[in-house]
Amino acid sequence: MESNKENVWFFIKDSQQQGPVCLFELRKLIEQRVLSGETFVWNKSMDCWQKAKSLDNFSESIVESSRIHLLPDKFKTKEEYEEATYPNGRPYVRYLARFFDLSLFSITFILSVSILFPAFIEETSNLYIFIVSLILWIIVEPVIISIFGNTFGRAFLSIKIKSVNGEKLNFKTVFKRSFFVNILGMGFGIPIVNFICFFFSYRDLKGHGMSTWDYKIGTVILYGKVSMSRLFIAGCLPVGLLAAGFYI
């Protein structure tokens, strides 16, 4: 149970100290976007003023703020938005979209290199080619999203990626996100390491409805309705590519 000292908070707004408020009120101010994670807060148990985003007390409020208040024009109410965006994160759909995109790119990359440098494909292991494709995708994905606003795999599975303000992402933001996804979410495709990364990223999505990188970078994933047939098609391509890699 919190002491009275820990439950009395002050914050800086419009360059002025305001408060006191209780922890519950301060969290609600952040959730309602009256304040943000950048707001400086303080109570008597702290040595100095700190940004709300640096304190565990407000992490859930900041995530909720990002999730609830992104209301694109096509959603008339908060309820419609929450139904369409599936707050639990939909990790399987996200993974399918990423592997579908990566498979399409890998096929394009292998075909192009086979034509231009056939010896490279013959003398290189399948795992090495996959890791090279993964690294190149970190650059290619931001280019595609910054130009078109989405990738083919995400669009095929009714997924959109935007900033917390609902804006189209620029190259720098997507590059940063793609880099973290491939390191923290996929372990650069290194066997065993990638399964460990999948486990922790899955846990984040199911527990918070938002991945660690989306939370830190300020990006939001929107989920629309997708048919089972599309999920099946999206799953067949990477599985087929993997099977072909083992066979070859």
Protein backbone atom coordinates (compact mmCIF):
# COMPACT_ATOMS: atom_id res chain seq x y z
CA MET A 1 0.00 0.00 0.00
CA GLU A 2 1.29 3.47 -0.93
CA SER A 3 2.15 5.95 1.79
CA ASN A 4 0.64 9.43 1.72
CA LYS A 5 4.01 10.81 0.69
CA GLU A 6 4.18 8.53 -2.37
CA ASN A 7 0.58 9.28 -3.38
CA VAL A 8 0.96 13.08 -3.56
CA TRP A 9 2.28 14.18 -6.94
CA PHE A 10 3.15 17.43 -8.70
CA PHE A 11 3.72 18.03 -12.40
CA ILE A 12 4.93 20.74 -14.80
CA LYS A 13 2.43 22.07 -17.34
CA ASP A 14 2.74 25.28 -19.35
CA SER A 15 6.08 25.94 -17.60
CA GLN A 16 4.38 26.02 -14.18
CA GLN A 17 4.31 23.59 -11.27
CA GLN A 18 0.82 22.21 -10.71
CA GLY A 19 -0.71 19.90 -8.11
CA PRO A 20 -0.94 18.25 -5.75
CA VAL A 21 -2.83 15.33 -7.30
CA CYS A 22 -2.97 11.66 -6.34
CA LEU A 23 -1.32 8.97 -8.46
CA PHE A 24 -4.68 7.86 -9.90
CA GLU A 25 -5.49 11.40 -11.12
CA LEU A 26 -2.05 11.83 -12.65
CA ARG A 27 -2.35 8.55 -14.52
CA LYS A 28 -5.75 9.59 -15.88
CA LEU A 29 -4.32 12.92 -17.06
CA ILE A 30 -1.73 10.98 -19.06
CA GLU A 31 -4.26 8.48 -20.43
CA GLN A 32 -6.47 11.36 -21.58
CA ARG A 33 -3.42 13.08 -23.17
CA VAL A 34 -3.78 16.19 -21.06
CA LEU A 35 -0.21 15.31 -20.08
CA SER A 36 2.32 13.09 -21.87
CA GLY A 37 5.24 10.83 -21.13
CA GLU A 38 7.48 13.88 -21.56
CA THR A 39 5.82 15.68 -18.64
CA PHE A 40 8.08 16.23 -15.63
CA VAL A 41 6.59 14.81 -12.41
CA TRP A 42 7.70 14.69 -8.77
CA ASN A 43 6.71 13.55 -5.32
CA LYS A 44 8.44 13.76 -1.95
CA SER A 45 9.95 10.28 -2.23
CA MET A 46 11.97 11.36 -5.32
CA ASP A 47 15.32 13.14 -5.35
CA CYS A 48 14.52 15.23 -8.42
CA TRP A 49 11.95 15.89 -11.16
CA GLN A 50 11.73 13.15 -13.78
CA LYS A 51 9.82 12.56 -17.01
CA ALA A 52 6.75 10.39 -16.54
CA LYS A 53 7.92 7.95 -19.23
CA SER A 54 11.01 7.12 -17.13
CA LEU A 55 8.89 5.86 -14.20
CA ASP A 56 7.20 2.46 -14.01
CA ASN A 57 4.17 4.08 -12.31
CA PHE A 58 3.06 5.57 -15.64
CA SER A 59 4.14 3.02 -18.27
CA GLU A 60 0.66 1.47 -18.63
CA SER A 61 -0.99 4.91 -18.79
CA ILE A 62 1.34 5.97 -21.62
CA VAL A 63 0.59 2.78 -23.59
CA GLU A 64 -3.15 3.23 -23.03
CA SER A 65 -2.85 6.85 -24.16
CA SER A 66 -1.25 5.77 -27.44
CA ARG A 67 -3.80 3.01 -28.04
CA ILE A 68 -7.08 4.71 -27.18
CA HIS A 69 -6.52 8.14 -28.61
CA LEU A 70 -5.53 7.12 -32.12
CA LEU A 71 -9.03 7.40 -33.64
CA PRO A 72 -8.87 7.46 -37.44
CA ASP A 73 -11.81 9.05 -39.25
CA LYS A 74 -13.25 5.71 -40.30
CA PHE A 75 -13.99 4.83 -36.65
CA LYS A 76 -16.98 6.70 -35.26
CA THR A 77 -16.54 5.56 -31.67
CA LYS A 78 -13.87 4.26 -29.32
CA GLU A 79 -15.71 0.89 -29.19
CA GLU A 80 -15.50 0.48 -32.98
CA TYR A 81 -11.83 1.35 -32.87
CA GLU A 82 -11.02 -1.15 -30.13
CA GLU A 83 -12.93 -3.90 -31.95
CA ALA A 84 -11.04 -3.23 -35.19
CA THR A 85 -7.61 -2.87 -33.62
CA TYR A 86 -7.73 -5.90 -31.35
CA PRO A 87 -5.96 -4.56 -28.20
CA ASN A 88 -4.33 -7.93 -27.46
CA GLY A 89 -1.83 -7.33 -30.28
CA ARG A 90 -2.74 -10.19 -32.67
CA PRO A 91 0.83 -11.57 -32.72
CA TYR A 92 0.11 -14.40 -35.18
CA VAL A 93 -1.25 -12.03 -37.81
CA ARG A 94 1.73 -9.71 -37.33
CA TYR A 95 4.20 -12.58 -37.68
CA LEU A 96 2.47 -13.90 -40.79
CA ALA A 97 2.54 -10.46 -42.40
CA ARG A 98 6.25 -10.01 -41.64
CA PHE A 99 7.24 -13.47 -42.90
CA PHE A 100 5.05 -13.04 -45.97
CA ASP A 101 6.83 -9.75 -46.79
CA LEU A 102 10.23 -11.24 -46.02
CA SER A 103 9.50 -14.30 -48.17
CA LEU A 104 8.46 -12.16 -51.14
CA PHE A 105 11.61 -10.07 -50.77
CA SER A 106 13.82 -13.15 -50.36
CA ILE A 107 12.44 -14.71 -53.54
CA THR A 108 13.00 -11.45 -55.44
CA PHE A 109 16.51 -11.14 -54.00
CA ILE A 110 17.47 -14.76 -54.81
CA LEU A 111 16.13 -14.54 -58.37
CA SER A 112 17.95 -11.26 -59.00
CA VAL A 113 21.25 -12.52 -57.61
CA SER A 114 20.86 -15.84 -59.48
CA ILE A 115 20.69 -13.93 -62.75
CA LEU A 116 23.48 -11.46 -61.98
CA PHE A 117 25.79 -13.60 -59.81
CA PRO A 118 24.86 -17.30 -60.22
CA ALA A 119 28.05 -18.51 -58.52
CA PHE A 120 27.13 -16.69 -55.30
CA ILE A 121 23.86 -18.64 -54.93
CA GLU A 122 25.52 -21.98 -55.71
CA GLU A 123 28.38 -21.50 -53.23
CA THR A 124 26.41 -19.89 -50.36
CA SER A 125 24.41 -21.69 -47.67
CA ASN A 126 20.66 -21.11 -47.42
CA LEU A 127 20.97 -19.78 -43.84
CA TYR A 128 23.52 -17.18 -44.93
CA ILE A 129 21.29 -16.07 -47.82
CA PHE A 130 18.34 -15.72 -45.42
CA ILE A 131 20.37 -13.60 -42.97
CA VAL A 132 21.57 -11.38 -45.85
CA SER A 133 17.95 -10.98 -46.98
CA LEU A 134 16.95 -10.08 -43.43
CA ILE A 135 19.63 -7.39 -43.19
CA LEU A 136 18.72 -5.92 -46.58
CA TRP A 137 15.03 -5.91 -45.61
CA ILE A 138 15.88 -3.53 -42.76
CA ILE A 139 16.66 -0.94 -45.46
CA VAL A 140 14.12 -1.94 -48.10
CA GLU A 141 11.10 -2.03 -45.75
CA PRO A 142 11.46 1.64 -44.63
CA VAL A 143 11.78 2.73 -48.27
CA ILE A 144 8.54 0.92 -49.20
CA ILE A 145 6.59 2.19 -46.19
CA SER A 146 7.82 5.79 -46.48
CA ILE A 147 6.69 5.82 -50.15
CA PHE A 148 3.50 3.71 -50.11
CA GLY A 149 2.56 3.84 -46.42
CA ASN A 150 2.49 0.05 -46.07
CA THR A 151 4.01 -3.23 -47.23
CA PHE A 152 2.23 -5.77 -49.42
CA GLY A 153 2.08 -8.38 -46.64
CA ARG A 154 0.50 -6.02 -44.13
CA ALA A 155 -1.98 -4.68 -46.69
CA PHE A 156 -2.88 -8.25 -47.69
CA LEU A 157 -3.70 -9.07 -44.05
CA SER A 158 -5.49 -5.76 -43.36
CA ILE A 159 -2.77 -4.29 -41.14
CA LYS A 160 -1.74 -0.65 -41.09
CA ILE A 161 1.22 0.99 -39.40
CA LYS A 162 1.07 4.64 -38.34
CA SER A 163 2.40 7.07 -35.78
CA VAL A 164 0.46 7.57 -32.53
CA ASN A 165 -1.02 10.70 -34.15
CA GLY A 166 -2.33 8.68 -37.09
CA GLU A 167 0.26 10.08 -39.51
CA LYS A 168 2.22 8.30 -42.23
CA LEU A 169 5.67 7.22 -41.06
CA ASN A 170 8.87 8.67 -42.47
CA PHE A 171 11.96 6.68 -43.48
CA LYS A 172 13.93 7.42 -40.29
CA THR A 173 11.15 6.19 -37.97
CA VAL A 174 10.48 3.02 -39.98
CA PHE A 175 14.20 2.26 -40.29
CA LYS A 176 14.60 2.51 -36.52
CA ARG A 177 11.56 0.27 -36.01
CA SER A 178 12.69 -2.26 -38.62
CA PHE A 179 16.12 -2.44 -37.01
CA PHE A 180 14.66 -3.17 -33.57
CA VAL A 181 12.15 -5.68 -34.93
CA ASN A 182 14.90 -7.69 -36.60
CA ILE A 183 17.12 -7.61 -33.52
CA LEU A 184 14.62 -7.89 -30.63
CA GLY A 185 11.81 -9.63 -32.48
CA MET A 186 13.68 -11.98 -34.83
CA GLY A 187 17.22 -12.28 -33.45
CA PHE A 188 18.54 -11.66 -36.96
CA GLY A 189 17.27 -15.10 -37.94
CA ILE A 190 19.92 -16.91 -35.87
CA PRO A 191 18.61 -20.35 -34.85
CA ILE A 192 17.54 -20.71 -31.18
CA VAL A 193 18.14 -16.98 -30.61
CA ASN A 194 15.21 -16.14 -32.89
CA PHE A 195 12.86 -18.46 -30.96
CA ILE A 196 13.85 -16.77 -27.69
CA CYS A 197 13.14 -13.37 -29.28
CA PHE A 198 9.79 -14.62 -30.61
CA PHE A 199 8.80 -15.76 -27.12
CA PHE A 200 9.51 -12.41 -25.45
CA SER A 201 7.93 -10.34 -28.23
CA TYR A 202 4.84 -12.60 -28.14
CA ARG A 203 4.59 -12.11 -24.38
CA ASP A 204 4.77 -8.31 -24.78
CA LEU A 205 2.04 -8.27 -27.40
CA LYS A 206 -0.32 -10.52 -25.46
CA GLY A 207 0.34 -8.76 -22.17
CA HIS A 208 0.34 -5.13 -23.26
CA GLY A 209 -1.25 -5.09 -26.73
CA MET A 210 1.84 -3.28 -27.98
CA SER A 211 5.40 -4.41 -28.69
CA THR A 212 8.37 -2.88 -26.93
CA TRP A 213 9.65 -1.17 -30.08
CA ASP A 214 6.24 0.33 -30.99
CA TYR A 215 5.92 1.68 -27.46
CA LYS A 216 9.40 3.27 -27.46
CA ILE A 217 9.38 4.58 -31.03
CA GLY A 218 5.79 5.85 -31.00
CA THR A 219 4.22 3.68 -33.70
CA VAL A 220 0.83 1.94 -33.64
CA ILE A 221 -0.40 -1.13 -35.52
CA LEU A 222 -4.04 -1.14 -36.67
CA TYR A 223 -5.76 -4.45 -37.39
CA GLY A 224 -8.70 -4.90 -39.72
CA LYS A 225 -10.80 -8.00 -40.37
CA VAL A 226 -9.00 -10.67 -42.39
CA SER A 227 -10.38 -13.91 -43.85
CA MET A 228 -9.03 -17.37 -43.08
CA SER A 229 -8.20 -17.85 -46.75
CA ARG A 230 -5.82 -14.89 -46.70
CA LEU A 231 -4.21 -16.15 -43.50
CA PHE A 232 -3.75 -19.54 -45.17
CA ILE A 233 -2.18 -18.04 -48.29
CA ALA A 234 0.10 -15.81 -46.23
CA GLY A 235 1.24 -18.83 -44.22
CA CYS A 236 1.86 -21.08 -47.20
CA LEU A 237 4.47 -18.85 -48.87
CA PRO A 238 7.04 -18.74 -46.02
CA VAL A 239 6.45 -22.42 -45.18
CA GLY A 240 6.94 -23.34 -48.85
CA LEU A 241 10.10 -21.24 -49.07
CA LEU A 242 11.47 -22.86 -45.90
CA ALA A 243 10.70 -26.35 -47.23
CA ALA A 244 12.36 -25.52 -50.54
CA GLY A 245 15.44 -24.29 -48.67
CA PHE A 246 15.78 -27.59 -46.81
CA TYR A 247 15.16 -29.60 -49.99
CA ILE A 248 17.71 -27.67 -52.04
